[in-house]
Amino acid sequence: MSFADTTTHDMQQCIQNCRDCQRICTLTITHCFAQGGEMCEATHIRLLMDCAEMCQTSANFMLRASDLHPYTCAVCAQVCEQCKAACERFPDSQQMRLCADACQRCADSCHYMAESSMAHH
C-alpha cells in the first residue's frame, strides 16, 4: 500500500467522522432546546454550532483536496475537543454522550490528518 493509498483511506475516514460529528452536533442543538435549562446556555449552543460548522468546513476542504486542509483539520480538532468537554458536563444525557463520543472520534482523526499532512509538506 503506497503513501497515497493510506492518505486517501485516512482522509475518507476523517471526512466521515467530520460529517457524523456535524450531524450529531446539529441534532444535539435541537435536543438542547427541547430539554431547556442549562443545556440551553448560549455558550453551550454556540459551541455546538461552532463544532457543526467547523466539521462541515473541514470535510469540504478535504473533499476538495485543498492544500489548506491540515489547517482546517487542526482547528476542527480543537473545536471538537472543547465541544466534547462541554457535552461531558451532562453525563446523564444519552444525546450528550453520543455527541461527546462523535467529537472525540472527529478530534482524533482531525489531529492525525493535520499532523501527518503537515509532516509531509
Protein backbone atom coordinates (compact mmCIF):
# COMPACT_ATOMS: atom_id res chain seq x y z
CA MET A 1 0.00 0.00 0.00
CA SER A 2 1.51 3.32 -1.05
CA PHE A 3 1.52 6.54 0.96
CA ALA A 4 -1.18 7.95 -1.34
CA ASP A 5 -3.49 4.98 -0.65
CA THR A 6 -3.06 5.37 3.11
CA THR A 7 -3.69 9.10 2.92
CA THR A 8 -6.81 8.57 0.83
CA HIS A 9 -8.18 6.00 3.29
CA ASP A 10 -7.38 8.17 6.32
CA MET A 11 -8.88 11.20 4.62
CA GLN A 12 -12.09 9.33 3.73
CA GLN A 13 -12.37 8.21 7.36
CA CYS A 14 -11.77 11.75 8.60
CA ILE A 15 -14.39 13.16 6.20
CA GLN A 16 -16.86 10.57 7.52
CA ASN A 17 -16.02 11.42 11.14
CA CYS A 18 -16.46 15.14 10.39
CA ARG A 19 -19.82 14.53 8.73
CA ASP A 20 -21.01 12.33 11.59
CA CYS A 21 -19.94 14.91 14.15
CA GLN A 22 -21.60 17.73 12.21
CA ARG A 23 -24.86 15.77 12.08
CA ILE A 24 -24.78 14.81 15.76
CA CYS A 25 -23.92 18.34 16.92
CA THR A 26 -26.85 19.69 14.90
CA LEU A 27 -29.22 17.07 16.36
CA THR A 28 -27.87 17.87 19.84
CA ILE A 29 -28.76 21.56 19.42
CA THR A 30 -32.36 20.50 18.77
CA HIS A 31 -32.19 18.21 21.81
CA CYS A 32 -30.88 21.06 23.99
CA PHE A 33 -33.74 23.35 23.01
CA ALA A 34 -36.23 20.57 23.77
CA GLN A 35 -34.67 19.95 27.22
CA GLY A 36 -34.29 23.59 28.21
CA GLY A 37 -32.46 24.68 31.34
CA GLU A 38 -28.67 24.60 31.48
CA MET A 39 -28.43 22.81 28.14
CA CYS A 40 -29.73 25.97 26.51
CA GLU A 41 -26.90 28.17 27.80
CA ALA A 42 -25.66 30.42 25.00
CA THR A 43 -22.05 29.26 25.40
CA HIS A 44 -23.06 25.61 25.03
CA ILE A 45 -25.30 26.18 22.00
CA ARG A 46 -22.66 28.39 20.37
CA LEU A 47 -20.01 25.71 20.85
CA LEU A 48 -22.27 23.05 19.30
CA MET A 49 -22.92 25.41 16.36
CA ASP A 50 -19.20 26.19 16.00
CA CYS A 51 -18.38 22.50 16.07
CA ALA A 52 -21.01 21.58 13.47
CA GLU A 53 -19.85 24.37 11.16
CA MET A 54 -16.15 23.62 11.58
CA CYS A 55 -16.71 19.91 10.91
CA GLN A 56 -18.62 20.78 7.73
CA THR A 57 -15.87 23.18 6.62
CA SER A 58 -13.11 20.68 7.35
CA ALA A 59 -14.93 17.93 5.43
CA ASN A 60 -15.37 20.28 2.46
CA PHE A 61 -11.67 21.21 2.41
CA MET A 62 -10.72 17.53 2.36
CA LEU A 63 -13.31 16.70 -0.32
CA ARG A 64 -11.75 19.41 -2.49
CA ALA A 65 -8.27 18.03 -1.67
CA SER A 66 -7.38 21.56 -0.61
CA ASP A 67 -3.73 22.10 0.34
CA LEU A 68 -5.07 24.03 3.32
CA HIS A 69 -6.94 21.07 4.83
CA PRO A 70 -4.26 20.42 7.51
CA TYR A 71 -5.08 23.86 8.95
CA THR A 72 -8.86 23.36 8.96
CA CYS A 73 -8.33 19.88 10.46
CA ALA A 74 -6.15 21.35 13.23
CA VAL A 75 -8.80 23.94 14.14
CA CYS A 76 -11.57 21.35 13.84
CA ALA A 77 -9.77 19.08 16.32
CA GLN A 78 -9.55 21.93 18.84
CA VAL A 79 -13.22 22.87 18.47
CA CYS A 80 -14.27 19.21 18.78
CA GLU A 81 -12.27 18.80 21.98
CA GLN A 82 -13.93 21.86 23.52
CA CYS A 83 -17.36 20.66 22.43
CA LYS A 84 -16.68 17.21 23.88
CA ALA A 85 -15.77 18.75 27.24
CA ALA A 86 -18.97 20.82 27.20
CA CYS A 87 -21.13 17.79 26.43
CA GLU A 88 -19.47 15.80 29.21
CA ARG A 89 -20.95 18.29 31.71
CA PHE A 90 -24.25 16.41 31.16
CA PRO A 91 -23.33 12.77 31.90
CA ASP A 92 -26.96 11.72 32.42
CA SER A 93 -27.93 12.65 28.86
CA GLN A 94 -27.56 9.90 26.25
CA GLN A 95 -27.59 12.53 23.48
CA MET A 96 -24.72 14.40 25.14
CA ARG A 97 -22.74 11.16 25.48
CA LEU A 98 -23.29 10.42 21.78
CA CYS A 99 -22.18 13.93 20.92
CA ALA A 100 -19.08 13.73 23.13
CA ASP A 101 -18.11 10.39 21.51
CA ALA A 102 -18.55 11.78 18.00
CA CYS A 103 -16.49 14.85 18.94
CA GLN A 104 -13.71 12.61 20.30
CA ARG A 105 -13.60 10.47 17.13
CA CYS A 106 -13.55 13.58 14.94
CA ALA A 107 -10.87 15.27 17.06
CA ASP A 108 -8.66 12.18 16.91
CA SER A 109 -8.87 11.78 13.14
CA CYS A 110 -8.51 15.53 12.50
CA HIS A 111 -5.41 15.65 14.73
CA TYR A 112 -4.00 12.73 12.75
CA MET A 113 -4.74 14.36 9.39
CA ALA A 114 -3.29 17.69 10.49
CA GLU A 115 -0.09 16.19 11.88
CA SER A 116 0.55 13.64 9.12
CA SER A 117 -0.15 16.19 6.38
CA MET A 118 1.99 18.91 7.98
CA ALA A 119 4.86 16.43 8.28
CA HIS A 120 4.84 15.84 4.54
CA HIS A 121 4.79 19.50 3.49
